[in-house]
Amino acid sequence: MKVLVIGNGGREHALAWKLLQSKQVEQVVCVPGNGGTASMECCQNLPLAVDDFEGISQYASQNGISLVVVGPEVPLAKGITDYLQDKRLMVFGPVRAGAQIEASKAWAKALMQEAGIPTAQAAVFTEAAAAKSYVKTQGTPIVVKADGLAAGKGVIVAETIEQAQSAIDAIFQGQFGSAGKFVLIEEYLIGQEVSVLALTDGLTIRSLLPAQDHKRIGEGDTGENTGGMGAYAPAPIATPKLMARVQTEVLERAIATLRAKGIDYRGVLYAGLMITPDGNFKVLEFNCRFGDPETQVILPLLETPLEELLLACVQQRLGELPPIAWKEGTSATVVAASGGYPSEYEKGQVITGISEAETAGATVFHAGTKLNQQQEVVTDGGRVLNVTGIGENFEQAIAQAYAGIKHIQFEGIYYRRDIGHRVMSAEQGEQTPV
């Protein structure tokens, strides 16, 4: 079968890489892809925009594409699944109505409240003055969120009233684009965040391994929020007992409520959780797609062929499959970013050392890269590479990732040196604060 993967990040490279491990997948086409997907055997890039629905549809129909897998949230929110389904193409990813669960934090919060899903207390505002007044009554720390899609950067944890008011102004003044029509003010929760990605056919929902992302740019989880600076899986804090509760109290309730609204949700439902010190949890947000960089640590541990799971979701027969099979061990990834990210950064820097990193045992997923006219791999984004290691334990997996990233060079390269610090402390027998 031939599979078309939409997107150009590390998540899409990982999806293409995993799909091509199956004997059933003869070719993967990435739209538009990146320098990594351009270099893989049996994989090609197609230079179309992710929202060129007509161009994607024509190519898929004329070239025998069996399945379209949508990586990013933006085309899902714009209705790419609806469009391609109308052209009788099989698409993995929710329809536009379902993608609201990420495209509007206010809509998602209302759905959680309706479904009885544990979530943080929040209020939605359309005017800055009312939002600022609410912040004064609630006090700080407090969380200020842009309502719509903001590439993982529309969440500000304000430590002071002044920071919260500045964040409100920034959102309403359009710093996060169309995500600035509404502001969500949410209570600040203490604990550790865990990403639970689940596959669903609209009736059955099955979680993948829980992962823990590192969203802050700085070591010690400091500085600005980013799209993610590294991750590991499976996250030990998400115990089997807790995951059983997440299944019934979050995932199944969400799918049932979506179905009651007449939304046939098939794809990934990604729940971002806060695990509190008392062992309970609340849902911070839902996403409608595979996480990035969580996908880059989950898929290397997946034993079940990926295309079998995706097709079962599209064809609404996930419940007929046996339980998802996983490899033993752990996985960790470190993001190599452009200097200046998540603010201004340069593109076009030549990257060296990728083959040496892979020889050292790491798997390198390209994120913000492309090939230049000389066929050199150059930087083309804020998050450039995901260097992933696998091991019997986290110490081995993290060591392999860092052994690999030491070989990577490009002007301005930046990466955190403490990915996995919480889980490493736990493995070494120390008390891990939450």
Protein backbone atom coordinates (compact mmCIF):
# COMPACT_ATOMS: atom_id res chain seq x y z
CA MET A 1 0.00 0.00 0.00
CA LYS A 2 0.98 3.63 -0.50
CA VAL A 3 0.55 6.12 2.33
CA LEU A 4 0.55 9.92 2.12
CA VAL A 5 1.69 11.73 5.28
CA ILE A 6 0.83 15.42 5.61
CA GLY A 7 3.31 17.62 7.47
CA ASN A 8 6.98 18.56 7.59
CA GLY A 9 8.08 18.05 11.20
CA GLY A 10 9.77 15.46 13.35
CA ARG A 11 6.41 13.84 14.03
CA GLU A 12 5.84 13.27 10.32
CA HIS A 13 9.36 11.90 9.80
CA ALA A 14 8.72 9.46 12.66
CA LEU A 15 5.36 8.44 11.16
CA ALA A 16 6.92 7.82 7.74
CA TRP A 17 9.85 5.94 9.32
CA LYS A 18 7.52 3.68 11.29
CA LEU A 19 5.14 3.04 8.39
CA LEU A 20 8.03 1.96 6.15
CA GLN A 21 9.05 -0.71 8.68
CA SER A 22 5.96 -2.68 7.60
CA LYS A 23 6.12 -5.07 4.65
CA GLN A 24 2.62 -3.90 3.75
CA VAL A 25 3.78 -0.33 3.04
CA GLU A 26 5.67 0.00 -0.24
CA GLN A 27 5.90 3.78 -0.39
CA VAL A 28 5.32 6.89 1.72
CA VAL A 29 4.78 10.32 0.21
CA CYS A 30 5.24 13.32 2.52
CA VAL A 31 3.54 16.68 1.90
CA PRO A 32 5.70 18.71 1.99
CA GLY A 33 8.15 16.64 4.05
CA ASN A 34 11.64 17.71 5.14
CA GLY A 35 15.30 16.88 4.63
CA GLY A 36 14.94 13.61 6.49
CA THR A 37 11.95 12.27 4.58
CA ALA A 38 13.64 13.32 1.31
CA SER A 39 16.58 11.08 2.19
CA MET A 40 14.70 7.92 3.21
CA GLU A 41 14.44 4.92 0.90
CA CYS A 42 10.91 4.37 -0.49
CA CYS A 43 9.92 7.87 0.66
CA GLN A 44 9.48 11.00 -1.41
CA ASN A 45 8.48 14.58 -0.77
CA LEU A 46 5.67 16.31 -2.63
CA PRO A 47 6.06 20.13 -2.65
CA LEU A 48 2.49 21.07 -1.80
CA ALA A 49 1.19 23.16 1.10
CA VAL A 50 -0.54 21.26 3.90
CA ASP A 51 -3.73 23.23 3.19
CA ASP A 52 -3.69 22.65 -0.59
CA PHE A 53 -6.64 20.30 -0.28
CA GLU A 54 -7.31 20.15 -4.01
CA GLY A 55 -3.70 19.40 -4.92
CA ILE A 56 -3.40 16.72 -2.25
CA SER A 57 -6.69 15.16 -3.33
CA GLN A 58 -5.71 15.07 -7.00
CA TYR A 59 -2.32 13.50 -6.27
CA ALA A 60 -3.78 10.88 -3.93
CA SER A 61 -6.55 9.94 -6.37
CA GLN A 62 -4.23 9.72 -9.36
CA ASN A 63 -1.39 7.83 -7.65
CA GLY A 64 -3.13 5.01 -5.81
CA ILE A 65 -2.78 6.36 -2.27
CA SER A 66 -4.43 3.90 0.12
CA LEU A 67 -4.36 6.07 3.25
CA VAL A 68 -3.79 9.74 4.08
CA VAL A 69 -2.34 10.42 7.54
CA VAL A 70 -2.66 14.04 8.73
CA GLY A 71 0.10 15.16 11.08
CA PRO A 72 -0.47 18.85 12.00
CA GLU A 73 -3.51 20.37 13.66
CA VAL A 74 -3.96 23.29 11.24
CA PRO A 75 -5.20 21.32 8.19
CA LEU A 76 -7.43 19.25 10.49
CA ALA A 77 -8.97 22.42 11.93
CA LYS A 78 -9.50 23.70 8.38
CA GLY A 79 -11.40 20.54 7.41
CA ILE A 80 -8.95 18.52 5.31
CA THR A 81 -10.50 15.23 6.45
CA ASP A 82 -13.98 16.34 5.42
CA TYR A 83 -12.67 17.46 2.02
CA LEU A 84 -10.72 14.29 1.27
CA GLN A 85 -13.50 12.02 2.51
CA ASP A 86 -15.83 13.74 0.04
CA LYS A 87 -13.33 12.63 -2.64
CA ARG A 88 -13.65 9.03 -1.38
CA LEU A 89 -10.17 8.93 0.14
CA MET A 90 -9.39 7.19 3.42
CA VAL A 91 -8.07 9.68 5.96
CA PHE A 92 -6.66 9.19 9.46
CA GLY A 93 -7.55 12.31 11.41
CA PRO A 94 -10.76 13.78 12.82
CA VAL A 95 -13.24 15.83 10.82
CA ARG A 96 -13.35 19.58 11.32
CA ALA A 97 -16.08 19.39 13.97
CA GLY A 98 -13.92 17.02 16.02
CA ALA A 99 -10.76 19.08 15.55
CA GLN A 100 -12.45 21.86 17.54
CA ILE A 101 -11.22 19.97 20.58
CA GLU A 102 -7.81 21.53 19.88
CA ALA A 103 -8.78 24.49 17.72
CA SER A 104 -10.79 26.07 20.54
CA LYS A 105 -9.74 25.71 24.17
CA ALA A 106 -13.07 27.22 25.20
CA TRP A 107 -15.01 24.60 23.23
CA ALA A 108 -12.84 21.82 24.67
CA LYS A 109 -13.30 23.11 28.21
CA ALA A 110 -17.08 23.11 27.77
CA LEU A 111 -16.94 19.54 26.44
CA MET A 112 -14.88 18.41 29.44
CA GLN A 113 -17.35 19.99 31.84
CA GLU A 114 -20.27 18.38 30.01
CA ALA A 115 -18.56 14.98 30.04
CA GLY A 116 -17.58 15.14 33.70
CA ILE A 117 -13.88 14.96 32.88
CA PRO A 118 -11.59 16.21 35.68
CA THR A 119 -10.15 19.55 34.57
CA ALA A 120 -8.81 22.81 35.93
CA GLN A 121 -11.23 25.57 36.89
CA ALA A 122 -11.35 28.17 34.12
CA ALA A 123 -13.21 31.16 32.70
CA VAL A 124 -13.40 32.46 29.11
CA PHE A 125 -13.22 36.13 28.14
CA THR A 126 -13.69 38.17 24.98
CA GLU A 127 -12.48 41.48 26.43
CA ALA A 128 -9.18 42.36 28.09
CA ALA A 129 -10.70 44.45 30.89
CA ALA A 130 -12.91 41.63 32.15
CA ALA A 131 -10.05 39.13 31.94
CA LYS A 132 -7.74 41.44 33.91
CA SER A 133 -10.40 41.99 36.55
CA TYR A 134 -10.84 38.23 36.93
CA VAL A 135 -7.10 37.74 37.36
CA LYS A 136 -7.06 40.29 40.18
CA THR A 137 -9.81 38.41 42.03
CA GLN A 138 -8.14 35.02 41.54
CA GLY A 139 -4.55 36.02 42.28
CA THR A 140 -1.36 34.39 41.00
CA PRO A 141 0.20 32.16 39.85
CA ILE A 142 -2.40 31.72 37.14
CA VAL A 143 -2.44 30.37 33.58
CA VAL A 144 -3.40 32.53 30.59
CA LYS A 145 -4.23 30.73 27.33
CA ALA A 146 -4.92 31.93 23.81
CA ASP A 147 -8.08 30.17 22.69
CA GLY A 148 -7.10 28.77 19.29
CA LEU A 149 -4.10 27.23 17.57
CA ALA A 150 -0.81 28.79 18.61
CA ALA A 151 1.78 26.11 17.72
CA GLY A 152 2.17 25.07 21.35
CA LYS A 153 3.20 28.56 22.45
CA GLY A 154 -0.13 30.17 23.42
CA VAL A 155 0.06 29.24 27.12
CA ILE A 156 1.59 31.68 29.64
CA VAL A 157 2.12 30.77 33.28
CA ALA A 158 1.96 34.14 35.02
CA GLU A 159 3.71 34.48 38.37
CA THR A 160 2.48 38.05 38.96
CA ILE A 161 -0.61 40.12 38.19
CA GLU A 162 1.51 42.27 35.86
CA GLN A 163 2.67 39.20 33.87
CA ALA A 164 -0.91 37.97 33.56
CA GLN A 165 -2.14 41.36 32.34
CA SER A 166 0.71 41.59 29.80
CA ALA A 167 -0.17 38.11 28.54
CA ILE A 168 -3.83 39.09 28.17
CA ASP A 169 -2.83 42.19 26.19
CA ALA A 170 -0.49 40.18 23.97
CA ILE A 171 -3.21 37.68 23.12
CA PHE A 172 -5.90 40.26 22.38
CA GLN A 173 -3.41 42.32 20.35
CA GLY A 174 -2.86 39.39 18.02
CA GLN A 175 0.52 38.01 19.08
CA PHE A 176 -0.90 34.51 18.54
CA GLY A 177 -2.86 35.35 15.41
CA SER A 178 -6.44 34.16 15.20
CA ALA A 179 -5.97 32.43 18.56
CA GLY A 180 -6.43 35.85 20.14
CA LYS A 181 -10.21 36.19 19.81
CA PHE A 182 -10.80 34.62 23.21
CA VAL A 183 -8.70 34.26 26.36
CA LEU A 184 -8.99 31.34 28.77
CA ILE A 185 -7.91 32.07 32.35
CA GLU A 186 -7.21 28.84 34.21
CA GLU A 187 -6.21 27.88 37.71
CA TYR A 188 -2.55 27.03 38.21
CA LEU A 189 -1.99 23.38 39.02
CA ILE A 190 1.06 21.88 40.72
CA GLY A 191 2.43 18.58 39.51
CA GLN A 192 3.95 16.84 36.50
CA GLU A 193 2.52 16.94 33.00
CA VAL A 194 1.96 13.71 31.11
CA SER A 195 0.86 13.24 27.51
CA VAL A 196 -1.59 10.43 26.84
CA LEU A 197 -2.08 9.83 23.11
CA ALA A 198 -4.91 7.49 22.20
CA LEU A 199 -6.17 6.01 18.92
CA THR A 200 -9.89 5.89 18.31
CA ASP A 201 -12.35 4.84 15.63
CA GLY A 202 -15.14 6.81 17.27
CA LEU A 203 -16.40 3.80 19.22
CA THR A 204 -13.33 2.17 20.75
CA ILE A 205 -10.38 4.12 22.15
CA ARG A 206 -6.97 2.69 23.04
CA SER A 207 -4.15 4.62 24.65
CA LEU A 208 -0.54 4.50 23.51
CA LEU A 209 2.35 4.59 25.98
CA PRO A 210 2.23 7.68 28.21
CA ALA A 211 5.03 10.16 27.55
CA GLN A 212 6.45 13.18 29.33
CA ASP A 213 7.43 16.27 27.35
CA HIS A 214 9.74 19.11 28.39
CA LYS A 215 7.97 22.26 27.22
CA ARG A 216 10.19 25.00 28.67
CA ILE A 217 13.18 26.25 26.70
CA GLY A 218 15.57 26.30 29.68
CA GLU A 219 17.14 23.63 31.83
CA GLY A 220 15.36 22.98 35.08
CA ASP A 221 12.08 23.63 33.23
CA THR A 222 12.61 27.39 33.11
CA GLY A 223 11.97 30.08 30.52
CA GLU A 224 9.41 30.34 27.75
CA ASN A 225 7.08 27.57 26.62
CA THR A 226 8.02 25.87 23.36
CA GLY A 227 6.59 23.16 21.15
CA GLY A 228 8.68 20.70 23.22
CA MET A 229 12.43 20.37 23.85
CA GLY A 230 12.54 16.64 24.53
CA ALA A 231 10.50 13.71 25.79
CA TYR A 232 10.63 10.18 27.12
CA ALA A 233 8.33 7.16 27.30
CA PRO A 234 6.79 5.36 29.03
CA ALA A 235 6.35 7.98 31.76
CA PRO A 236 6.62 6.09 35.11
CA ILE A 237 4.40 8.59 36.93
CA ALA A 238 1.49 7.40 34.77
CA THR A 239 1.11 4.09 36.60
CA PRO A 240 -1.13 1.27 35.27
CA LYS A 241 -3.68 2.16 37.98
CA LEU A 242 -3.73 5.81 36.92
CA MET A 243 -3.92 4.89 33.22
CA ALA A 244 -6.95 2.70 33.93
CA ARG A 245 -8.65 5.74 35.46
CA VAL A 246 -7.65 7.91 32.49
CA GLN A 247 -9.23 5.34 30.18
CA THR A 248 -12.62 5.47 31.89
CA GLU A 249 -12.71 9.01 33.31
CA VAL A 250 -11.16 10.84 30.34
CA LEU A 251 -10.85 8.95 27.07
CA GLU A 252 -14.11 7.00 27.07
CA ARG A 253 -16.11 9.95 28.43
CA ALA A 254 -14.68 12.26 25.77
CA ILE A 255 -15.48 9.91 22.88
CA ALA A 256 -18.97 9.23 24.21
CA THR A 257 -19.69 12.95 24.55
CA LEU A 258 -18.36 13.67 21.05
CA ARG A 259 -20.56 10.88 19.69
CA ALA A 260 -23.58 12.31 21.54
CA LYS A 261 -22.90 15.60 19.75
CA GLY A 262 -23.04 13.79 16.42
CA ILE A 263 -19.27 13.96 15.88
CA ASP A 264 -17.73 10.80 14.39
CA TYR A 265 -14.21 11.24 15.77
CA ARG A 266 -11.60 8.96 14.16
CA GLY A 267 -7.92 9.64 14.71
CA VAL A 268 -5.74 10.61 17.67
CA LEU A 269 -7.21 12.02 20.85
CA TYR A 270 -4.33 13.44 22.88
CA ALA A 271 -4.98 14.33 26.52
CA GLY A 272 -2.50 16.58 28.27
CA LEU A 273 -2.72 15.72 31.96
CA MET A 274 -1.40 17.26 35.15
CA ILE A 275 -0.58 14.58 37.72
CA THR A 276 -0.93 16.20 41.11
CA PRO A 277 1.20 15.32 44.17
CA ASP A 278 -1.69 13.38 45.72
CA GLY A 279 -1.76 11.01 42.72
CA ASN A 280 -4.87 12.45 41.11
CA PHE A 281 -5.01 14.18 37.73
CA LYS A 282 -6.76 16.87 35.75
CA VAL A 283 -6.90 17.39 32.00
CA LEU A 284 -5.11 20.55 30.91
CA GLU A 285 -6.01 20.31 27.24
CA PHE A 286 -6.96 18.02 24.38
CA ASN A 287 -5.20 17.85 21.02
CA CYS A 288 -6.56 16.29 17.85
CA ARG A 289 -3.31 14.82 16.47
CA PHE A 290 -0.10 12.99 17.33
CA GLY A 291 2.09 14.92 19.77
CA ASP A 292 5.48 16.33 18.84
CA PRO A 293 8.00 15.30 20.21
CA GLU A 294 6.04 12.54 22.00
CA THR A 295 5.52 10.61 18.75
CA GLN A 296 9.29 10.38 18.35
CA VAL A 297 9.60 8.38 21.59
CA ILE A 298 6.37 6.39 21.38
CA LEU A 299 6.68 4.95 17.87
CA PRO A 300 10.16 3.43 18.34
CA LEU A 301 8.64 1.24 21.06
CA LEU A 302 5.56 0.20 19.04
CA GLU A 303 5.50 -3.46 18.01
CA THR A 304 2.09 -3.61 16.27
CA PRO A 305 2.37 -2.41 12.65
CA LEU A 306 1.32 1.22 12.62
CA GLU A 307 -0.71 1.04 9.41
CA GLU A 308 -2.85 -1.76 10.89
CA LEU A 309 -3.87 0.51 13.76
CA LEU A 310 -4.50 3.54 11.57
CA LEU A 311 -6.57 1.60 9.04
CA ALA A 312 -8.60 0.01 11.83
CA CYS A 313 -9.45 3.48 13.14
CA VAL A 314 -10.48 4.75 9.71
CA GLN A 315 -12.57 1.63 9.01
CA GLN A 316 -14.11 1.63 12.51
CA ARG A 317 -12.89 -1.81 13.53
CA LEU A 318 -10.34 -0.94 16.22
CA GLY A 319 -12.26 -3.05 18.72
CA GLU A 320 -11.62 -6.15 16.60
CA LEU A 321 -7.82 -5.89 16.93
CA PRO A 322 -5.80 -7.56 19.70
CA PRO A 323 -4.22 -5.32 22.35
CA ILE A 324 -1.48 -3.03 21.06
CA ALA A 325 1.92 -4.73 21.40
CA TRP A 326 4.98 -2.88 22.70
CA LYS A 327 8.70 -3.56 22.77
CA GLU A 328 10.46 -3.85 26.10
CA GLY A 329 12.49 -0.86 27.21
CA THR A 330 12.36 2.91 27.19
CA SER A 331 12.88 5.75 24.74
CA ALA A 332 14.08 9.34 25.03
CA THR A 333 14.56 12.19 22.55
CA VAL A 334 16.48 15.46 22.73
CA VAL A 335 15.53 18.37 20.48
CA ALA A 336 18.31 20.29 18.73
CA ALA A 337 16.94 23.79 18.18
CA SER A 338 18.03 26.90 16.31
CA GLY A 339 19.64 29.61 18.41
CA GLY A 340 17.00 32.14 19.47
CA TYR A 341 14.07 29.71 19.41
CA PRO A 342 11.21 30.11 20.42
CA SER A 343 11.72 33.73 19.31
CA GLU A 344 13.65 34.87 16.23
CA TYR A 345 16.13 32.47 14.65
CA GLU A 346 18.05 32.06 11.39
CA LYS A 347 17.47 29.43 8.74
CA GLY A 348 19.78 27.86 6.18
CA GLN A 349 22.58 26.74 8.52
CA VAL A 350 24.38 23.63 7.21
CA ILE A 351 23.97 20.62 9.52
CA THR A 352 26.73 18.03 9.95
CA GLY A 353 27.15 14.91 12.05
CA ILE A 354 23.77 13.23 11.45
CA SER A 355 25.27 10.00 10.07
CA GLU A 356 27.80 9.95 12.92
CA ALA A 357 24.97 10.31 15.45
CA GLU A 358 23.16 7.36 13.88
CA THR A 359 26.37 5.30 13.83
CA ALA A 360 26.61 6.00 17.56
CA GLY A 361 23.23 4.25 17.97
CA ALA A 362 20.77 7.15 17.96
CA THR A 363 17.82 7.58 15.59
CA VAL A 364 17.66 11.10 14.16
CA PHE A 365 14.25 12.43 13.17
CA HIS A 366 14.35 15.62 11.11
CA ALA A 367 11.99 18.43 12.15
CA GLY A 368 12.94 21.85 10.76
CA THR A 369 15.27 20.79 7.93
CA LYS A 370 15.42 20.82 4.15
CA LEU A 371 17.90 20.00 1.39
CA ASN A 372 19.56 23.00 -0.28
CA GLN A 373 20.62 23.17 -3.92
CA GLN A 374 23.86 21.36 -3.07
CA GLN A 375 21.79 18.57 -1.45
CA GLU A 376 23.13 19.52 1.97
CA VAL A 377 20.82 19.27 4.98
CA VAL A 378 20.20 22.77 6.36
CA THR A 379 18.11 24.23 9.16
CA ASP A 380 14.60 25.34 8.21
CA GLY A 381 12.79 25.82 11.52
CA GLY A 382 13.01 26.44 15.25
CA ARG A 383 13.10 22.82 16.31
CA VAL A 384 15.59 21.25 13.89
CA LEU A 385 16.25 17.62 14.87
CA ASN A 386 15.00 15.01 17.36
CA VAL A 387 17.84 12.74 18.47
CA THR A 388 16.27 9.61 19.95
CA GLY A 389 17.79 6.83 22.03
CA ILE A 390 16.37 3.48 23.12
CA GLY A 391 17.51 1.42 26.09
CA GLU A 392 16.57 -1.16 28.67
CA ASN A 393 16.14 1.70 31.13
CA PHE A 394 16.04 5.48 31.04
CA GLU A 395 19.71 5.86 31.90
CA GLN A 396 20.63 3.93 28.75
CA ALA A 397 18.07 5.62 26.49
CA ILE A 398 19.00 9.14 27.59
CA ALA A 399 22.73 8.39 27.37
CA GLN A 400 22.27 7.11 23.81
CA ALA A 401 20.37 10.24 22.78
CA TYR A 402 23.04 12.54 24.21
CA ALA A 403 25.85 10.45 22.74
CA GLY A 404 24.20 11.00 19.37
CA ILE A 405 23.51 14.71 19.68
CA LYS A 406 27.15 15.43 20.53
CA HIS A 407 27.96 14.67 16.88
CA ILE A 408 25.41 17.17 15.52
CA GLN A 409 26.74 20.57 14.52
CA PHE A 410 25.21 23.69 13.00
CA GLU A 411 25.67 27.37 13.76
CA GLY A 412 23.64 28.41 16.79
CA ILE A 413 22.67 24.87 17.88
CA TYR A 414 20.94 24.75 21.25
CA TYR A 415 19.61 21.83 23.27
CA ARG A 416 18.76 21.16 26.88
CA ARG A 417 21.23 19.03 28.80
CA ASP A 418 18.70 17.79 31.35
CA ILE A 419 16.03 15.93 29.36
CA GLY A 420 14.66 13.20 31.62
CA HIS A 421 15.94 14.81 34.82
CA ARG A 422 12.90 13.76 36.82
CA VAL A 423 12.97 10.15 35.76
CA MET A 424 16.75 9.94 36.13
CA SER A 425 16.45 11.16 39.73
CA ALA A 426 13.83 8.49 40.35
CA GLU A 427 16.02 5.73 38.82
CA GLN A 428 18.90 6.82 41.02
CA GLY A 429 16.72 6.44 44.09
CA GLU A 430 16.29 10.11 44.87
CA GLN A 431 13.07 11.79 45.91
CA THR A 432 11.60 13.36 42.78
CA PRO A 433 9.70 16.59 43.48
CA VAL A 434 6.49 17.22 41.61
